């Protein structure tokens, strides 16, 4: 599945194999809780929300207002259908398109390893946030299709050079916090 568009990846993998249900696994609940603990502010975004499960869980843990964004129309449609009281939006590219400085915290969990231009994607996330970006990525190889790279702590520091950031490694994930 490597090299597939976000739409193909979501249809074949996330929706087709019901991978969105993995959010219920204890290691993913812990990951979401750790992300929630880093959120500041009340108007927040979940970028790469897939079918909306993590966005809803973040709302439960943090409160406030949440908007989920994904690059797959099928995922957004499914999220809207499953969670009609929440806002989910299709992202077509990494351009700010009027989103600059819109959200207090932008959470982006398990997404950056899937995007071709991780530097442009990180700049997008940073541009949308007014206070903080919370980013997670695996710290070991996983068999999930569509991963374009595996980060090390060193490569993450290089990616975030010039930004006020911290990186924490726990279990199988890196947790990155970028403050503005």
Protein backbone atom coordinates (compact mmCIF):
# COMPACT_ATOMS: atom_id res chain seq x y z
CA UNK A 1 0.00 0.00 0.00
CA UNK A 2 3.01 2.27 0.15
CA UNK A 3 2.65 5.02 -2.40
CA UNK A 4 -1.16 5.00 -2.27
CA UNK A 5 -3.07 8.23 -1.96
CA UNK A 6 -4.62 9.06 1.40
CA UNK A 7 -8.01 8.15 -0.06
CA UNK A 8 -6.86 4.71 -1.22
CA UNK A 9 -5.06 4.07 2.05
CA UNK A 10 -8.12 4.95 4.13
CA UNK A 11 -10.53 2.96 1.98
CA UNK A 12 -8.38 -0.18 1.81
CA UNK A 13 -6.76 -0.15 5.21
CA UNK A 14 -8.55 2.02 7.78
CA UNK A 15 -12.12 1.51 6.62
CA UNK A 16 -11.79 -1.76 4.73
CA UNK A 17 -10.02 -3.55 7.58
CA UNK A 18 -11.72 -1.53 10.33
CA UNK A 19 -8.34 -0.43 11.65
CA UNK A 20 -10.03 2.58 13.26
CA UNK A 21 -11.14 0.19 16.00
CA UNK A 22 -7.53 -0.07 17.24
CA UNK A 23 -8.11 3.14 19.19
CA UNK A 24 -9.72 0.94 21.88
CA UNK A 25 -6.46 -0.96 22.47
CA UNK A 26 -4.75 -0.08 25.78
CA UNK A 27 -1.51 1.16 24.15
CA UNK A 28 -3.49 3.56 21.94
CA UNK A 29 -5.66 4.74 24.83
CA UNK A 30 -2.42 5.53 26.68
CA UNK A 31 -1.08 7.39 23.61
CA UNK A 32 -4.25 9.46 23.34
CA UNK A 33 -4.18 10.25 27.08
CA UNK A 34 -0.57 11.40 26.80
CA UNK A 35 -1.52 13.64 23.88
CA UNK A 36 -4.50 15.00 25.82
CA UNK A 37 -2.25 15.83 28.77
CA UNK A 38 -0.22 18.15 26.50
CA UNK A 39 -3.20 20.08 25.08
CA UNK A 40 -3.51 23.76 26.01
CA UNK A 41 -6.48 25.96 25.18
CA UNK A 42 -10.06 25.17 24.32
CA UNK A 43 -10.27 25.35 20.51
CA UNK A 44 -8.24 22.46 19.17
CA UNK A 45 -7.69 20.33 16.08
CA UNK A 46 -6.93 16.68 15.40
CA UNK A 47 -5.10 16.51 12.06
CA UNK A 48 -5.17 13.08 10.47
CA UNK A 49 -8.33 12.15 12.35
CA UNK A 50 -9.24 9.25 10.03
CA UNK A 51 -12.71 8.06 11.07
CA UNK A 52 -12.96 10.41 14.07
CA UNK A 53 -12.39 8.05 16.99
CA UNK A 54 -9.36 9.84 18.42
CA UNK A 55 -10.97 13.25 17.98
CA UNK A 56 -13.96 12.12 20.05
CA UNK A 57 -11.69 10.62 22.72
CA UNK A 58 -9.69 13.86 22.91
CA UNK A 59 -12.93 15.77 23.40
CA UNK A 60 -13.90 13.41 26.23
CA UNK A 61 -10.51 13.85 27.93
CA UNK A 62 -9.90 17.57 27.39
CA UNK A 63 -13.24 19.19 26.67
CA UNK A 64 -13.46 22.37 24.66
CA UNK A 65 -14.08 22.40 20.94
CA UNK A 66 -12.43 19.96 18.54
CA UNK A 67 -12.28 19.82 14.76
CA UNK A 68 -11.01 16.73 12.99
CA UNK A 69 -9.15 17.01 9.69
CA UNK A 70 -8.20 14.23 7.30
CA UNK A 71 -6.84 13.88 3.76
CA UNK A 72 -9.42 11.21 2.81
CA UNK A 73 -12.97 12.17 1.87
CA UNK A 74 -14.15 8.64 2.75
CA UNK A 75 -12.69 8.94 6.25
CA UNK A 76 -14.25 12.38 6.75
CA UNK A 77 -17.62 11.11 5.49
CA UNK A 78 -17.47 8.15 7.86
CA UNK A 79 -16.48 10.39 10.80
CA UNK A 80 -19.40 12.74 10.07
CA UNK A 81 -21.79 9.79 9.87
CA UNK A 82 -20.53 8.19 13.08
CA UNK A 83 -20.17 11.40 15.10
CA UNK A 84 -22.68 13.91 13.68
CA UNK A 85 -22.27 16.38 16.55
CA UNK A 86 -18.59 16.94 15.75
CA UNK A 87 -16.89 18.89 12.96
CA UNK A 88 -14.77 17.00 10.44
CA UNK A 89 -13.11 18.63 7.44
CA UNK A 90 -11.27 17.41 4.36
CA UNK A 91 -7.72 18.70 3.94
CA UNK A 92 -6.61 18.67 0.34
CA UNK A 93 -3.05 19.92 0.83
CA UNK A 94 -0.68 21.49 3.35
CA UNK A 95 -1.56 25.07 2.45
CA UNK A 96 -2.96 27.12 5.29
CA UNK A 97 -5.94 28.24 3.16
CA UNK A 98 -7.27 30.57 5.84
CA UNK A 99 -6.48 28.23 8.76
CA UNK A 100 -3.42 30.13 9.97
CA UNK A 101 -3.52 30.60 13.71
CA UNK A 102 -6.96 29.02 14.05
CA UNK A 103 -6.46 26.41 16.79
CA UNK A 104 -4.86 26.61 20.24
CA UNK A 105 -3.39 23.10 20.04
CA UNK A 106 -3.02 20.94 16.98
CA UNK A 107 -2.69 17.23 17.71
CA UNK A 108 -1.29 15.06 14.93
CA UNK A 109 -0.82 11.48 16.05
CA UNK A 110 0.58 8.70 13.88
CA UNK A 111 0.40 10.70 10.64
CA UNK A 112 3.72 12.37 9.80
CA UNK A 113 5.39 9.08 8.91
CA UNK A 114 2.81 8.71 6.11
CA UNK A 115 3.34 12.05 4.34
CA UNK A 116 5.86 12.56 1.57
CA UNK A 117 6.96 16.09 2.49
CA UNK A 118 7.21 15.94 6.27
CA UNK A 119 8.90 19.36 6.51
CA UNK A 120 6.04 21.11 4.64
CA UNK A 121 3.50 19.16 6.69
CA UNK A 122 5.15 20.20 9.96
CA UNK A 123 5.18 23.83 8.79
CA UNK A 124 1.44 23.52 8.09
CA UNK A 125 0.74 22.13 11.57
CA UNK A 126 2.84 24.87 13.16
CA UNK A 127 1.07 27.54 11.12
CA UNK A 128 -2.40 26.38 12.16
CA UNK A 129 -1.58 26.32 15.89
CA UNK A 130 -1.55 29.40 18.09
CA UNK A 131 -0.03 27.77 21.18
CA UNK A 132 1.18 24.20 20.64
CA UNK A 133 1.60 21.27 18.28
CA UNK A 134 1.48 17.76 19.73
CA UNK A 135 2.90 15.13 17.41
CA UNK A 136 3.43 11.40 17.82
CA UNK A 137 5.14 8.87 15.59
CA UNK A 138 6.30 5.27 16.08
CA UNK A 139 9.84 4.77 17.37
CA UNK A 140 10.14 1.27 15.96
CA UNK A 141 9.22 -0.41 12.70
CA UNK A 142 5.56 -1.31 12.40
CA UNK A 143 3.90 -3.35 9.68
CA UNK A 144 1.20 -0.79 8.96
CA UNK A 145 1.26 -0.09 5.23
CA UNK A 146 1.85 3.40 4.02
CA UNK A 147 4.70 4.31 6.36
CA UNK A 148 7.26 6.20 4.32
CA UNK A 149 9.88 6.55 7.05
CA UNK A 150 10.81 5.59 10.58
CA UNK A 151 12.03 8.47 12.73
CA UNK A 152 14.78 8.42 15.29
CA UNK A 153 15.09 11.01 18.02
CA UNK A 154 17.91 12.60 16.01
CA UNK A 155 15.89 12.84 12.78
CA UNK A 156 12.97 14.36 14.69
CA UNK A 157 15.27 16.98 16.24
CA UNK A 158 16.56 17.82 12.75
CA UNK A 159 13.00 18.06 11.40
CA UNK A 160 12.04 20.44 14.21
CA UNK A 161 15.26 22.47 14.17
CA UNK A 162 14.58 26.10 15.03
CA UNK A 163 11.29 25.31 16.77
CA UNK A 164 10.81 25.32 20.56
CA UNK A 165 10.31 21.58 20.95
CA UNK A 166 10.74 18.63 23.26
CA UNK A 167 10.79 14.95 22.37
CA UNK A 168 9.86 12.20 24.79
CA UNK A 169 10.15 8.48 24.02
CA UNK A 170 7.79 6.10 25.74
CA UNK A 171 6.89 2.55 24.80
CA UNK A 172 6.67 2.37 21.01
CA UNK A 173 6.06 6.09 20.36
CA UNK A 174 7.86 9.41 20.23
CA UNK A 175 5.85 12.28 21.74
CA UNK A 176 6.82 15.67 20.39
CA UNK A 177 5.64 18.98 21.79
CA UNK A 178 6.26 22.19 19.89
CA UNK A 179 5.42 25.41 21.73
CA UNK A 180 4.91 28.75 20.01
